[in-house]
Structures are given as C-alpha cells and as structure tokens.
Amino acid sequence: MQGILYEEASIWQFFFVTCLLGGWAAWMTGRACAQTWRSFAALVFYLLLLGIAVRFIHHALFEGTMFSLQYYAVDTLVLIVLGTLGFQYTRTNQMVTQYHWVYERASLLSWRPKG
C-alpha cells in the first residue's frame, strides 16, 4: 500500500496526519456545517480546502510531496468520508431533537417520519 495510498515510510505517519488530525478536523467541519444548516456542497468545498492543509502537514513534517494529485485525492477522500459521517450524525441529532414530533431516529445516521 506504501506508494499507492501514502508516500511516507510508515503507515503510522499517514494514520496520524490524515486519519487522526485531518479526520478530527473533517468531523468537526461536518459538525459545524450541520449545526449552521449549511448545505452538503459547502461541506465538500471546505473539505477540499482541508485536503490542501493535510498535504501541507505531510510536506512540512515528513518531507512529503506537497503537490501530488494522487496523494491529495487519497487524503481528501478520507476527509470527505469522515466529514460526511460527522455531518450526517449531527444533522440526524438535529432533526430528531428539534422536530421530535415529526421525526424519529431510524439509525445512527438517519431519521424517518413518525407514524
């Protein structure tokens, strides 16, 4: 997988920067977009920018390639997945809390009309 998904010598560097640091930031970005009732398109735009920041951290800390479309795409895909989970989790909580007479929780990430 080294060379395809990440360029660092160790997968732990990829996990720490992309999944842990970037993933936490992506989750919080998704949460913030949901709390302010922004659209999913706005979330994707913010996560594309966050992908650039994650690439910079790889570059600055581990001498990774800053401008690599392949690694940017992998990092950004991980961020979009985690940001979408944060967005959907928060939006579900909003819908079942604020509109409890209309909606009930269907799962951790979805709601359905009561009835």
N, C-alpha and C. Protein backbone atom coordinates (compact mmCIF):
# COMPACT_ATOMS: atom_id res chain seq x y z
N MET A 1 0.82 -1.19 0.00
CA MET A 1 0.00 0.00 0.00
C MET A 1 0.87 1.25 0.00
N GLN A 2 2.10 1.14 0.53
CA GLN A 2 3.00 2.28 0.53
C GLN A 2 3.31 2.64 -0.91
N GLY A 3 3.14 3.89 -1.25
CA GLY A 3 3.33 4.33 -2.62
C GLY A 3 2.02 4.47 -3.36
N ILE A 4 0.97 3.81 -2.90
CA ILE A 4 -0.35 3.93 -3.53
C ILE A 4 -1.23 4.85 -2.70
N LEU A 5 -1.39 4.52 -1.43
CA LEU A 5 -2.25 5.32 -0.55
C LEU A 5 -1.47 6.38 0.23
N TYR A 6 -0.24 6.12 0.52
CA TYR A 6 0.58 7.07 1.28
C TYR A 6 2.01 6.96 0.81
N GLU A 7 2.74 8.06 0.98
CA GLU A 7 4.12 8.07 0.50
C GLU A 7 5.16 7.96 1.61
N GLU A 8 4.74 8.10 2.85
CA GLU A 8 5.68 8.05 3.96
C GLU A 8 6.22 6.63 4.14
N ALA A 9 7.30 6.53 4.89
CA ALA A 9 7.93 5.23 5.12
C ALA A 9 7.08 4.34 6.01
N SER A 10 6.24 4.95 6.84
CA SER A 10 5.43 4.19 7.78
C SER A 10 3.96 4.56 7.62
N ILE A 11 3.10 3.57 7.73
CA ILE A 11 1.66 3.83 7.66
C ILE A 11 1.19 4.64 8.86
N TRP A 12 1.96 4.60 9.95
CA TRP A 12 1.57 5.33 11.16
C TRP A 12 1.61 6.83 10.93
N GLN A 13 2.50 7.30 10.09
CA GLN A 13 2.53 8.73 9.76
C GLN A 13 1.27 9.12 9.00
N PHE A 14 0.88 8.29 8.04
CA PHE A 14 -0.36 8.54 7.29
C PHE A 14 -1.56 8.50 8.23
N PHE A 15 -1.60 7.50 9.11
CA PHE A 15 -2.70 7.38 10.05
C PHE A 15 -2.78 8.59 10.97
N PHE A 16 -1.63 9.02 11.50
CA PHE A 16 -1.61 10.15 12.43
C PHE A 16 -2.06 11.44 11.76
N VAL A 17 -1.47 11.78 10.63
CA VAL A 17 -1.77 13.07 10.00
C VAL A 17 -3.12 13.06 9.30
N THR A 18 -3.36 12.07 8.44
CA THR A 18 -4.58 12.08 7.64
C THR A 18 -5.79 11.62 8.43
N CYS A 19 -5.68 10.48 9.07
CA CYS A 19 -6.86 9.91 9.74
C CYS A 19 -7.13 10.56 11.09
N LEU A 20 -6.11 10.78 11.88
CA LEU A 20 -6.32 11.29 13.23
C LEU A 20 -6.49 12.82 13.23
N LEU A 21 -5.45 13.54 12.80
CA LEU A 21 -5.53 15.00 12.80
C LEU A 21 -6.53 15.52 11.77
N GLY A 22 -6.35 15.10 10.53
CA GLY A 22 -7.25 15.55 9.46
C GLY A 22 -8.65 15.03 9.64
N GLY A 23 -8.79 13.78 10.10
CA GLY A 23 -10.11 13.20 10.31
C GLY A 23 -10.88 13.90 11.40
N TRP A 24 -10.17 14.27 12.48
CA TRP A 24 -10.82 15.03 13.55
C TRP A 24 -11.29 16.38 13.03
N ALA A 25 -10.43 17.06 12.26
CA ALA A 25 -10.81 18.36 11.69
C ALA A 25 -11.97 18.20 10.71
N ALA A 26 -11.98 17.13 9.93
CA ALA A 26 -13.07 16.89 8.99
C ALA A 26 -14.38 16.62 9.73
N TRP A 27 -14.32 15.81 10.79
CA TRP A 27 -15.52 15.54 11.60
C TRP A 27 -16.08 16.85 12.16
N MET A 28 -15.20 17.69 12.70
CA MET A 28 -15.64 18.95 13.28
C MET A 28 -16.16 19.91 12.21
N THR A 29 -15.60 19.86 11.02
CA THR A 29 -16.10 20.68 9.92
C THR A 29 -17.49 20.22 9.51
N GLY A 30 -17.69 18.91 9.41
CA GLY A 30 -19.01 18.37 9.11
C GLY A 30 -20.02 18.73 10.17
N ARG A 31 -19.60 18.65 11.41
CA ARG A 31 -20.47 19.00 12.54
C ARG A 31 -20.85 20.49 12.48
N ALA A 32 -19.88 21.35 12.20
CA ALA A 32 -20.15 22.78 12.13
C ALA A 32 -21.07 23.12 10.97
N CYS A 33 -20.88 22.48 9.83
CA CYS A 33 -21.76 22.73 8.69
C CYS A 33 -23.18 22.29 8.98
N ALA A 34 -23.34 21.18 9.65
CA ALA A 34 -24.68 20.71 10.00
C ALA A 34 -25.33 21.63 11.03
N GLN A 35 -24.58 22.05 12.02
CA GLN A 35 -25.14 22.91 13.06
C GLN A 35 -25.57 24.27 12.54
N THR A 36 -24.91 24.75 11.51
CA THR A 36 -25.27 26.05 10.93
C THR A 36 -26.18 25.89 9.71
N TRP A 37 -26.69 24.69 9.48
CA TRP A 37 -27.64 24.37 8.41
C TRP A 37 -27.07 24.70 7.03
N ARG A 38 -25.76 24.52 6.88
CA ARG A 38 -25.16 24.70 5.56
C ARG A 38 -25.42 23.46 4.72
N SER A 39 -25.25 23.61 3.43
CA SER A 39 -25.51 22.50 2.51
C SER A 39 -24.33 21.52 2.50
N PHE A 40 -24.59 20.36 1.94
CA PHE A 40 -23.54 19.36 1.80
C PHE A 40 -22.47 19.84 0.82
N ALA A 41 -22.87 20.62 -0.19
CA ALA A 41 -21.90 21.16 -1.15
C ALA A 41 -20.91 22.09 -0.46
N ALA A 42 -21.37 22.87 0.49
CA ALA A 42 -20.45 23.74 1.25
C ALA A 42 -19.46 22.89 2.04
N LEU A 43 -19.94 21.81 2.62
CA LEU A 43 -19.06 20.90 3.36
C LEU A 43 -17.97 20.35 2.45
N VAL A 44 -18.34 19.90 1.26
CA VAL A 44 -17.35 19.35 0.34
C VAL A 44 -16.31 20.40 -0.03
N PHE A 45 -16.74 21.63 -0.25
CA PHE A 45 -15.80 22.71 -0.56
C PHE A 45 -14.81 22.90 0.58
N TYR A 46 -15.30 22.95 1.81
CA TYR A 46 -14.41 23.12 2.97
C TYR A 46 -13.45 21.94 3.11
N LEU A 47 -13.92 20.75 2.82
CA LEU A 47 -13.06 19.57 2.93
C LEU A 47 -12.01 19.53 1.84
N LEU A 48 -12.31 20.07 0.66
CA LEU A 48 -11.30 20.17 -0.39
C LEU A 48 -10.17 21.10 0.06
N LEU A 49 -10.53 22.19 0.73
CA LEU A 49 -9.51 23.09 1.28
C LEU A 49 -8.73 22.42 2.41
N LEU A 50 -9.43 21.67 3.23
CA LEU A 50 -8.77 20.95 4.32
C LEU A 50 -7.79 19.91 3.77
N GLY A 51 -8.10 19.33 2.63
CA GLY A 51 -7.19 18.38 1.99
C GLY A 51 -5.85 19.03 1.64
N ILE A 52 -5.89 20.29 1.23
CA ILE A 52 -4.65 21.02 0.94
C ILE A 52 -3.85 21.21 2.23
N ALA A 53 -4.54 21.53 3.32
CA ALA A 53 -3.86 21.71 4.60
C ALA A 53 -3.22 20.40 5.07
N VAL A 54 -3.90 19.29 4.88
CA VAL A 54 -3.34 17.99 5.28
C VAL A 54 -2.11 17.66 4.44
N ARG A 55 -2.17 17.96 3.15
CA ARG A 55 -0.99 17.74 2.31
C ARG A 55 0.17 18.60 2.78
N PHE A 56 -0.12 19.84 3.21
CA PHE A 56 0.95 20.71 3.72
C PHE A 56 1.57 20.12 4.98
N ILE A 57 0.77 19.56 5.86
CA ILE A 57 1.31 18.96 7.08
C ILE A 57 2.21 17.77 6.74
N HIS A 58 1.78 16.95 5.76
CA HIS A 58 2.64 15.85 5.31
C HIS A 58 3.96 16.40 4.77
N HIS A 59 3.88 17.47 4.03
CA HIS A 59 5.06 18.09 3.43
C HIS A 59 5.97 18.69 4.50
N ALA A 60 5.39 19.42 5.42
CA ALA A 60 6.18 20.14 6.42
C ALA A 60 6.81 19.20 7.46
N LEU A 61 6.07 18.21 7.90
CA LEU A 61 6.58 17.35 8.97
C LEU A 61 7.38 16.16 8.48
N PHE A 62 6.97 15.58 7.35
CA PHE A 62 7.57 14.32 6.91
C PHE A 62 8.20 14.40 5.53
N GLU A 63 8.41 15.62 5.03
CA GLU A 63 9.03 15.85 3.72
C GLU A 63 8.29 15.14 2.61
N GLY A 64 6.97 15.11 2.71
CA GLY A 64 6.15 14.52 1.65
C GLY A 64 6.00 15.47 0.48
N THR A 65 5.45 14.96 -0.58
CA THR A 65 5.22 15.77 -1.77
C THR A 65 4.02 16.68 -1.53
N MET A 66 4.23 17.98 -1.72
CA MET A 66 3.13 18.93 -1.49
C MET A 66 2.10 18.86 -2.61
N PHE A 67 2.57 18.88 -3.84
CA PHE A 67 1.68 18.94 -4.99
C PHE A 67 1.64 17.60 -5.72
N SER A 68 0.92 16.66 -5.13
CA SER A 68 0.73 15.35 -5.73
C SER A 68 -0.77 15.09 -5.82
N LEU A 69 -1.28 15.00 -7.01
CA LEU A 69 -2.72 14.81 -7.20
C LEU A 69 -3.17 13.47 -6.60
N GLN A 70 -2.35 12.45 -6.72
CA GLN A 70 -2.70 11.12 -6.21
C GLN A 70 -2.87 11.15 -4.69
N TYR A 71 -1.89 11.68 -3.97
CA TYR A 71 -1.95 11.68 -2.51
C TYR A 71 -2.97 12.69 -2.00
N TYR A 72 -3.15 13.80 -2.73
CA TYR A 72 -4.19 14.76 -2.36
C TYR A 72 -5.56 14.10 -2.47
N ALA A 73 -5.78 13.34 -3.53
CA ALA A 73 -7.07 12.65 -3.72
C ALA A 73 -7.32 11.63 -2.61
N VAL A 74 -6.30 10.88 -2.23
CA VAL A 74 -6.46 9.89 -1.15
C VAL A 74 -6.77 10.59 0.16
N ASP A 75 -5.98 11.61 0.50
CA ASP A 75 -6.21 12.35 1.75
C ASP A 75 -7.60 12.97 1.76
N THR A 76 -7.98 13.60 0.67
CA THR A 76 -9.27 14.28 0.61
C THR A 76 -10.42 13.29 0.65
N LEU A 77 -10.27 12.14 0.06
CA LEU A 77 -11.31 11.12 0.12
C LEU A 77 -11.54 10.67 1.56
N VAL A 78 -10.46 10.46 2.31
CA VAL A 78 -10.58 10.09 3.72
C VAL A 78 -11.30 11.21 4.48
N LEU A 79 -10.93 12.46 4.20
CA LEU A 79 -11.57 13.60 4.87
C LEU A 79 -13.04 13.71 4.52
N ILE A 80 -13.40 13.47 3.27
CA ILE A 80 -14.80 13.55 2.86
C ILE A 80 -15.63 12.47 3.55
N VAL A 81 -15.08 11.27 3.66
CA VAL A 81 -15.81 10.19 4.35
C VAL A 81 -16.06 10.57 5.81
N LEU A 82 -15.01 11.00 6.51
CA LEU A 82 -15.16 11.33 7.93
C LEU A 82 -15.99 12.59 8.13
N GLY A 83 -15.83 13.58 7.25
CA GLY A 83 -16.64 14.79 7.35
C GLY A 83 -18.10 14.53 7.09
N THR A 84 -18.40 13.65 6.15
CA THR A 84 -19.79 13.27 5.86
C THR A 84 -20.41 12.55 7.04
N LEU A 85 -19.65 11.68 7.69
CA LEU A 85 -20.15 11.00 8.88
C LEU A 85 -20.48 12.00 9.98
N GLY A 86 -19.59 12.96 10.21
CA GLY A 86 -19.85 13.99 11.21
C GLY A 86 -21.05 14.84 10.87
N PHE A 87 -21.19 15.19 9.60
CA PHE A 87 -22.32 15.98 9.13
C PHE A 87 -23.63 15.23 9.33
N GLN A 88 -23.67 13.99 8.89
CA GLN A 88 -24.91 13.22 8.95
C GLN A 88 -25.30 12.87 10.39
N TYR A 89 -24.32 12.56 11.22
CA TYR A 89 -24.59 12.28 12.63
C TYR A 89 -25.20 13.49 13.32
N THR A 90 -24.61 14.66 13.08
CA THR A 90 -25.11 15.89 13.69
C THR A 90 -26.46 16.27 13.14
N ARG A 91 -26.65 16.15 11.83
CA ARG A 91 -27.93 16.51 11.23
C ARG A 91 -29.04 15.59 11.74
N THR A 92 -28.75 14.32 11.92
CA THR A 92 -29.73 13.38 12.47
C THR A 92 -30.13 13.79 13.88
N ASN A 93 -29.14 14.13 14.69
CA ASN A 93 -29.44 14.59 16.04
C ASN A 93 -30.28 15.86 16.03
N GLN A 94 -29.99 16.76 15.11
CA GLN A 94 -30.79 17.98 15.00
C GLN A 94 -32.24 17.66 14.65
N MET A 95 -32.43 16.82 13.68
CA MET A 95 -33.79 16.55 13.20
C MET A 95 -34.63 15.85 14.25
N VAL A 96 -34.05 14.90 14.96
CA VAL A 96 -34.85 14.16 15.95
C VAL A 96 -34.99 14.94 17.26
N THR A 97 -34.14 15.92 17.50
CA THR A 97 -34.25 16.74 18.70
C THR A 97 -35.15 17.95 18.48
N GLN A 98 -34.89 18.68 17.40
CA GLN A 98 -35.65 19.91 17.15
C GLN A 98 -37.04 19.65 16.59
N TYR A 99 -37.20 18.56 15.90
CA TYR A 99 -38.50 18.22 15.32
C TYR A 99 -38.95 16.85 15.84
N HIS A 100 -38.91 16.68 17.15
CA HIS A 100 -39.21 15.38 17.75
C HIS A 100 -40.65 14.93 17.53
N TRP A 101 -41.55 15.85 17.24
CA TRP A 101 -42.94 15.47 16.98
C TRP A 101 -43.15 14.99 15.55
N VAL A 102 -42.18 15.22 14.68
CA VAL A 102 -42.29 14.83 13.27
C VAL A 102 -41.40 13.63 12.94
N TYR A 103 -40.18 13.63 13.48
CA TYR A 103 -39.19 12.62 13.09
C TYR A 103 -38.73 11.79 14.28
N GLU A 104 -38.35 10.55 13.96
CA GLU A 104 -37.72 9.67 14.94
C GLU A 104 -36.46 9.11 14.32
N ARG A 105 -35.54 8.67 15.17
CA ARG A 105 -34.27 8.15 14.69
C ARG A 105 -34.48 6.78 14.05
N ALA A 106 -33.98 6.61 12.84
CA ALA A 106 -34.04 5.32 12.15
C ALA A 106 -32.75 4.54 12.39
N SER A 107 -31.64 5.25 12.44
CA SER A 107 -30.35 4.65 12.74
C SER A 107 -29.45 5.76 13.28
N LEU A 108 -28.21 5.47 13.46
CA LEU A 108 -27.28 6.45 13.98
C LEU A 108 -27.12 7.63 13.01
N LEU A 109 -27.30 7.38 11.72
CA LEU A 109 -27.07 8.41 10.71
C LEU A 109 -28.30 8.78 9.91
N SER A 110 -29.50 8.38 10.33
CA SER A 110 -30.68 8.72 9.55
C SER A 110 -31.91 8.85 10.45
N TRP A 111 -32.92 9.48 9.91
CA TRP A 111 -34.18 9.66 10.61
C TRP A 111 -35.32 9.34 9.66
N ARG A 112 -36.52 9.17 10.23
CA ARG A 112 -37.70 8.88 9.41
C ARG A 112 -38.90 9.56 10.04
N PRO A 113 -39.93 9.78 9.26
CA PRO A 113 -41.15 10.38 9.81
C PRO A 113 -41.79 9.44 10.83
N LYS A 114 -42.36 10.01 11.87
CA LYS A 114 -43.08 9.19 12.84
C LYS A 114 -44.38 8.71 12.23
N GLY A 115 -44.79 7.57 12.69
CA GLY A 115 -46.07 7.13 12.19
C GLY A 115 -46.19 5.72 11.86
